[in-house]
Amino acid sequence: MSYKVTKDRAAKLEHAAMAQVRADDGKRGFQTFEDLEVYKAVREFRKAMYALNRRLPDFEKYELGSQIRRASVSLANNMAEGHGRFHYPDQIRFFLHSRGSLEELLDDLNICLDEKYLCSDEIAKLKGQARGVLILINGYLRYLRSRSSSVRESDGADSDFIDAAQGLPL
């Protein structure tokens, strides 16, 4: 899926993601998932989706409304669970699940637009907020992938050392 994002807006969001990366590099000590800028943005988006959910017609409360609530919760919960994982590949997998939940919510917004549950301006505002969240998720995924590859590279250096040490007499 492609999104139209202005270069200025993308640069600002990328800057926020990179600021998060610098903060993660140990300068502030241990962080919880609640300290992540991407999680803060997701939390605000979840609140907006819950507010939308309260405005759905009664007959949609248990169908579309339930789906919106589950996807909104999954979006944030996967970030929290992924952040709690020790290995980068596990963290990446959970953030990819979060991104999938975000895409699901975008489709739910399309349903709301098609069925005229909300006006197009409100939907556009929520989609803009979702795009901002997507940019932050992608930025954090890039960070996790770079950390994951640097760990693999250092593991490779260690294995070379271990291989060399195994040839030494005891």
C-alpha atoms as a PDB file:
ATOM      1  CA  MET A   1       0.000   0.000   0.000  1.00  0.00           C
ATOM      2  CA  SER A   2       1.389   3.414  -0.807  1.00  0.00           C
ATOM      3  CA  TYR A   3       0.629   6.681   0.892  1.00  0.00           C
ATOM      4  CA  LYS A   4       1.100  10.245  -0.208  1.00  0.00           C
ATOM      5  CA  VAL A   5       3.220  11.860   2.450  1.00  0.00           C
ATOM      6  CA  THR A   6       4.834  15.220   2.005  1.00  0.00           C
ATOM      7  CA  LYS A   7       8.589  15.301   2.320  1.00  0.00           C
ATOM      8  CA  ASP A   8       8.401  17.774   5.202  1.00  0.00           C
ATOM      9  CA  ARG A   9       5.975  15.652   7.191  1.00  0.00           C
ATOM     10  CA  ALA A  10       7.902  12.470   6.462  1.00  0.00           C
ATOM     11  CA  ALA A  11      11.144  14.181   7.499  1.00  0.00           C
ATOM     12  CA  LYS A  12       9.594  15.340  10.787  1.00  0.00           C
ATOM     13  CA  LEU A  13       8.265  11.887  11.587  1.00  0.00           C
ATOM     14  CA  GLU A  14      11.543  10.263  10.566  1.00  0.00           C
ATOM     15  CA  HIS A  15      13.349  12.743  12.836  1.00  0.00           C
ATOM     16  CA  ALA A  16      11.085  11.691  15.723  1.00  0.00           C
ATOM     17  CA  ALA A  17      11.851   8.028  15.003  1.00  0.00           C
ATOM     18  CA  MET A  18      15.589   8.719  14.904  1.00  0.00           C
ATOM     19  CA  ALA A  19      15.374  10.678  18.156  1.00  0.00           C
ATOM     20  CA  GLN A  20      13.808   7.568  19.639  1.00  0.00           C
ATOM     21  CA  VAL A  21      16.671   5.476  18.290  1.00  0.00           C
ATOM     22  CA  ARG A  22      19.238   7.768  19.904  1.00  0.00           C
ATOM     23  CA  ALA A  23      17.328   7.552  23.180  1.00  0.00           C
ATOM     24  CA  ASP A  24      17.354   3.748  22.904  1.00  0.00           C
ATOM     25  CA  ASP A  25      21.145   3.664  22.597  1.00  0.00           C
ATOM     26  CA  GLY A  26      21.544   3.575  26.366  1.00  0.00           C
ATOM     27  CA  LYS A  27      21.804   7.275  27.082  1.00  0.00           C
ATOM     28  CA  ARG A  28      18.676   7.236  29.241  1.00  0.00           C
ATOM     29  CA  GLY A  29      18.983   3.733  30.626  1.00  0.00           C
ATOM     30  CA  PHE A  30      16.318   1.070  30.403  1.00  0.00           C
ATOM     31  CA  GLN A  31      13.083   2.051  28.723  1.00  0.00           C
ATOM     32  CA  THR A  32       9.676   0.503  28.936  1.00  0.00           C
ATOM     33  CA  PHE A  33       7.416   0.228  25.916  1.00  0.00           C
ATOM     34  CA  GLU A  34       5.514   3.207  27.332  1.00  0.00           C
ATOM     35  CA  ASP A  35       8.587   5.384  26.719  1.00  0.00           C
ATOM     36  CA  LEU A  36       8.632   4.668  22.978  1.00  0.00           C
ATOM     37  CA  GLU A  37       7.391   7.536  20.822  1.00  0.00           C
ATOM     38  CA  VAL A  38       5.795   5.042  18.471  1.00  0.00           C
ATOM     39  CA  TYR A  39       3.783   3.553  21.348  1.00  0.00           C
ATOM     40  CA  LYS A  40       2.649   7.003  22.461  1.00  0.00           C
ATOM     41  CA  ALA A  41       1.394   7.716  18.936  1.00  0.00           C
ATOM     42  CA  VAL A  42      -0.356   4.335  18.801  1.00  0.00           C
ATOM     43  CA  ARG A  43      -2.027   4.974  22.129  1.00  0.00           C
ATOM     44  CA  GLU A  44      -3.468   8.262  20.848  1.00  0.00           C
ATOM     45  CA  PHE A  45      -4.645   6.560  17.656  1.00  0.00           C
ATOM     46  CA  ARG A  46      -6.272   3.786  19.686  1.00  0.00           C
ATOM     47  CA  LYS A  47      -8.171   6.404  21.687  1.00  0.00           C
ATOM     48  CA  ALA A  48      -9.379   8.020  18.452  1.00  0.00           C
ATOM     49  CA  MET A  49     -10.534   4.662  17.098  1.00  0.00           C
ATOM     50  CA  TYR A  50     -12.407   3.920  20.330  1.00  0.00           C
ATOM     51  CA  ALA A  51     -14.103   7.319  20.026  1.00  0.00           C
ATOM     52  CA  LEU A  52     -15.094   6.442  16.452  1.00  0.00           C
ATOM     53  CA  ASN A  53     -16.404   3.117  17.706  1.00  0.00           C
ATOM     54  CA  ARG A  54     -18.776   4.842  20.143  1.00  0.00           C
ATOM     55  CA  ARG A  55     -20.325   6.744  17.208  1.00  0.00           C
ATOM     56  CA  LEU A  56     -21.153   3.683  15.103  1.00  0.00           C
ATOM     57  CA  PRO A  57     -24.816   2.718  14.609  1.00  0.00           C
ATOM     58  CA  ASP A  58     -26.159   0.258  17.164  1.00  0.00           C
ATOM     59  CA  PHE A  59     -26.328  -2.627  14.695  1.00  0.00           C
ATOM     60  CA  GLU A  60     -22.556  -2.268  14.065  1.00  0.00           C
ATOM     61  CA  LYS A  61     -21.501  -2.238  17.736  1.00  0.00           C
ATOM     62  CA  TYR A  62     -21.041  -6.010  17.818  1.00  0.00           C
ATOM     63  CA  GLU A  63     -19.724  -6.468  14.288  1.00  0.00           C
ATOM     64  CA  LEU A  64     -17.551  -3.680  12.915  1.00  0.00           C
ATOM     65  CA  GLY A  65     -17.263  -2.047  16.337  1.00  0.00           C
ATOM     66  CA  SER A  66     -15.930  -5.209  17.919  1.00  0.00           C
ATOM     67  CA  GLN A  67     -13.431  -5.631  15.080  1.00  0.00           C
ATOM     68  CA  ILE A  68     -12.203  -2.039  15.479  1.00  0.00           C
ATOM     69  CA  ARG A  69     -11.738  -2.501  19.219  1.00  0.00           C
ATOM     70  CA  ARG A  70      -9.839  -5.783  18.788  1.00  0.00           C
ATOM     71  CA  ALA A  71      -7.546  -4.402  16.073  1.00  0.00           C
ATOM     72  CA  SER A  72      -6.904  -1.226  18.095  1.00  0.00           C
ATOM     73  CA  VAL A  73      -5.966  -3.235  21.158  1.00  0.00           C
ATOM     74  CA  SER A  74      -3.841  -5.622  19.085  1.00  0.00           C
ATOM     75  CA  LEU A  75      -1.969  -2.676  17.573  1.00  0.00           C
ATOM     76  CA  ALA A  76      -0.757  -1.529  20.996  1.00  0.00           C
ATOM     77  CA  ASN A  77      -0.525  -4.933  22.692  1.00  0.00           C
ATOM     78  CA  ASN A  78       1.804  -6.344  20.043  1.00  0.00           C
ATOM     79  CA  MET A  79       4.159  -3.418  20.578  1.00  0.00           C
ATOM     80  CA  ALA A  80       4.167  -4.000  24.320  1.00  0.00           C
ATOM     81  CA  GLU A  81       4.731  -7.729  23.936  1.00  0.00           C
ATOM     82  CA  GLY A  82       7.393  -7.271  21.277  1.00  0.00           C
ATOM     83  CA  HIS A  83       9.274  -4.771  23.407  1.00  0.00           C
ATOM     84  CA  GLY A  84       9.365  -7.360  26.171  1.00  0.00           C
ATOM     85  CA  ARG A  85      11.072  -9.929  23.966  1.00  0.00           C
ATOM     86  CA  PHE A  86      14.801 -10.419  24.340  1.00  0.00           C
ATOM     87  CA  HIS A  87      15.749 -11.157  20.736  1.00  0.00           C
ATOM     88  CA  TYR A  88      15.479  -8.573  17.975  1.00  0.00           C
ATOM     89  CA  PRO A  89      13.833 -10.961  15.472  1.00  0.00           C
ATOM     90  CA  ASP A  90      11.031 -11.555  17.998  1.00  0.00           C
ATOM     91  CA  GLN A  91      10.616  -7.820  18.527  1.00  0.00           C
ATOM     92  CA  ILE A  92      10.503  -7.275  14.780  1.00  0.00           C
ATOM     93  CA  ARG A  93       7.848  -9.971  14.341  1.00  0.00           C
ATOM     94  CA  PHE A  94       5.562  -8.361  16.929  1.00  0.00           C
ATOM     95  CA  PHE A  95       5.992  -4.906  15.416  1.00  0.00           C
ATOM     96  CA  LEU A  96       5.098  -6.383  12.024  1.00  0.00           C
ATOM     97  CA  HIS A  97       1.909  -7.741  13.605  1.00  0.00           C
ATOM     98  CA  SER A  98       1.197  -4.238  14.908  1.00  0.00           C
ATOM     99  CA  ARG A  99       1.643  -2.857  11.426  1.00  0.00           C
ATOM    100  CA  GLY A 100      -0.823  -5.448  10.126  1.00  0.00           C
ATOM    101  CA  SER A 101      -3.383  -4.367  12.724  1.00  0.00           C
ATOM    102  CA  LEU A 102      -2.911  -0.770  11.627  1.00  0.00           C
ATOM    103  CA  GLU A 103      -3.612  -1.717   8.008  1.00  0.00           C
ATOM    104  CA  GLU A 104      -6.720  -3.567   9.187  1.00  0.00           C
ATOM    105  CA  LEU A 105      -7.911  -0.406  10.929  1.00  0.00           C
ATOM    106  CA  LEU A 106      -7.361   1.570   7.719  1.00  0.00           C
ATOM    107  CA  ASP A 107      -9.682  -0.856   5.958  1.00  0.00           C
ATOM    108  CA  ASP A 108     -12.234  -0.409   8.761  1.00  0.00           C
ATOM    109  CA  LEU A 109     -12.045   3.334   8.140  1.00  0.00           C
ATOM    110  CA  ASN A 110     -12.783   2.652   4.468  1.00  0.00           C
ATOM    111  CA  ILE A 111     -15.875   0.710   5.542  1.00  0.00           C
ATOM    112  CA  CYS A 112     -16.980   3.640   7.700  1.00  0.00           C
ATOM    113  CA  LEU A 113     -16.522   5.942   4.721  1.00  0.00           C
ATOM    114  CA  ASP A 114     -18.311   3.624   2.275  1.00  0.00           C
ATOM    115  CA  GLU A 115     -21.250   3.185   4.643  1.00  0.00           C
ATOM    116  CA  LYS A 116     -21.279   6.905   5.490  1.00  0.00           C
ATOM    117  CA  TYR A 117     -20.936   6.328   9.229  1.00  0.00           C
ATOM    118  CA  LEU A 118     -18.619   9.365   9.387  1.00  0.00           C
ATOM    119  CA  CYS A 119     -17.964  12.279   7.086  1.00  0.00           C
ATOM    120  CA  SER A 120     -15.003  12.094   4.721  1.00  0.00           C
ATOM    121  CA  ASP A 121     -13.136  14.870   6.590  1.00  0.00           C
ATOM    122  CA  GLU A 122     -13.163  12.873   9.821  1.00  0.00           C
ATOM    123  CA  ILE A 123     -12.021   9.740   8.016  1.00  0.00           C
ATOM    124  CA  ALA A 124      -9.242  11.689   6.283  1.00  0.00           C
ATOM    125  CA  LYS A 125      -8.050  13.028   9.643  1.00  0.00           C
ATOM    126  CA  LEU A 126      -7.944   9.517  11.138  1.00  0.00           C
ATOM    127  CA  LYS A 127      -6.166   8.160   8.064  1.00  0.00           C
ATOM    128  CA  GLY A 128      -3.595  10.938   8.388  1.00  0.00           C
ATOM    129  CA  GLN A 129      -3.033   9.980  12.012  1.00  0.00           C
ATOM    130  CA  ALA A 130      -2.674   6.340  10.929  1.00  0.00           C
ATOM    131  CA  ARG A 131      -0.082   7.311   8.304  1.00  0.00           C
ATOM    132  CA  GLY A 132       1.936   9.074  10.977  1.00  0.00           C
ATOM    133  CA  VAL A 133       1.814   5.949  13.126  1.00  0.00           C
ATOM    134  CA  LEU A 134       2.845   3.831  10.130  1.00  0.00           C
ATOM    135  CA  ILE A 135       5.880   6.020   9.514  1.00  0.00           C
ATOM    136  CA  LEU A 136       6.913   5.672  13.179  1.00  0.00           C
ATOM    137  CA  ILE A 137       6.418   1.895  13.116  1.00  0.00           C
ATOM    138  CA  ASN A 138       8.495   1.604   9.945  1.00  0.00           C
ATOM    139  CA  GLY A 139      11.211   3.794  11.465  1.00  0.00           C
ATOM    140  CA  TYR A 140      11.337   1.670  14.606  1.00  0.00           C
ATOM    141  CA  LEU A 141      11.410  -1.500  12.496  1.00  0.00           C
ATOM    142  CA  ARG A 142      14.415  -0.108  10.589  1.00  0.00           C
ATOM    143  CA  TYR A 143      16.113   0.541  13.926  1.00  0.00           C
ATOM    144  CA  LEU A 144      15.382  -2.992  15.189  1.00  0.00           C
ATOM    145  CA  ARG A 145      16.610  -4.515  11.936  1.00  0.00           C
ATOM    146  CA  SER A 146      19.839  -2.519  12.079  1.00  0.00           C
ATOM    147  CA  ARG A 147      20.392  -3.607  15.687  1.00  0.00           C
ATOM    148  CA  SER A 148      19.609  -7.192  14.729  1.00  0.00           C
ATOM    149  CA  SER A 149      22.158  -7.179  11.909  1.00  0.00           C
ATOM    150  CA  SER A 150      24.826  -5.577  14.121  1.00  0.00           C
ATOM    151  CA  VAL A 151      24.258  -8.322  16.694  1.00  0.00           C
ATOM    152  CA  ARG A 152      24.619 -10.986  13.989  1.00  0.00           C
ATOM    153  CA  GLU A 153      27.850  -9.353  12.778  1.00  0.00           C
ATOM    154  CA  SER A 154      29.309  -9.295  16.274  1.00  0.00           C
ATOM    155  CA  ASP A 155      28.184 -12.894  16.820  1.00  0.00           C
ATOM    156  CA  GLY A 156      30.060 -13.814  13.650  1.00  0.00           C
ATOM    157  CA  ALA A 157      33.226 -12.156  14.965  1.00  0.00           C
ATOM    158  CA  ASP A 158      32.872 -14.064  18.220  1.00  0.00           C
ATOM    159  CA  SER A 159      32.426 -17.372  16.405  1.00  0.00           C
ATOM    160  CA  ASP A 160      35.654 -16.729  14.461  1.00  0.00           C
ATOM    161  CA  PHE A 161      37.430 -16.178  17.788  1.00  0.00           C
ATOM    162  CA  ILE A 162      35.923 -19.364  19.218  1.00  0.00           C
ATOM    163  CA  ASP A 163      36.942 -21.354  16.117  1.00  0.00           C
ATOM    164  CA  ALA A 164      40.497 -20.042  16.424  1.00  0.00           C
ATOM    165  CA  ALA A 165      40.613 -20.790  20.159  1.00  0.00           C
ATOM    166  CA  GLN A 166      39.459 -24.373  19.633  1.00  0.00           C
ATOM    167  CA  GLY A 167      42.644 -25.100  17.676  1.00  0.00           C
ATOM    168  CA  LEU A 168      44.853 -24.136  20.633  1.00  0.00           C
ATOM    169  CA  PRO A 169      46.401 -26.890  22.791  1.00  0.00           C
ATOM    170  CA  LEU A 170      44.962 -27.293  26.278  1.00  0.00           C
END
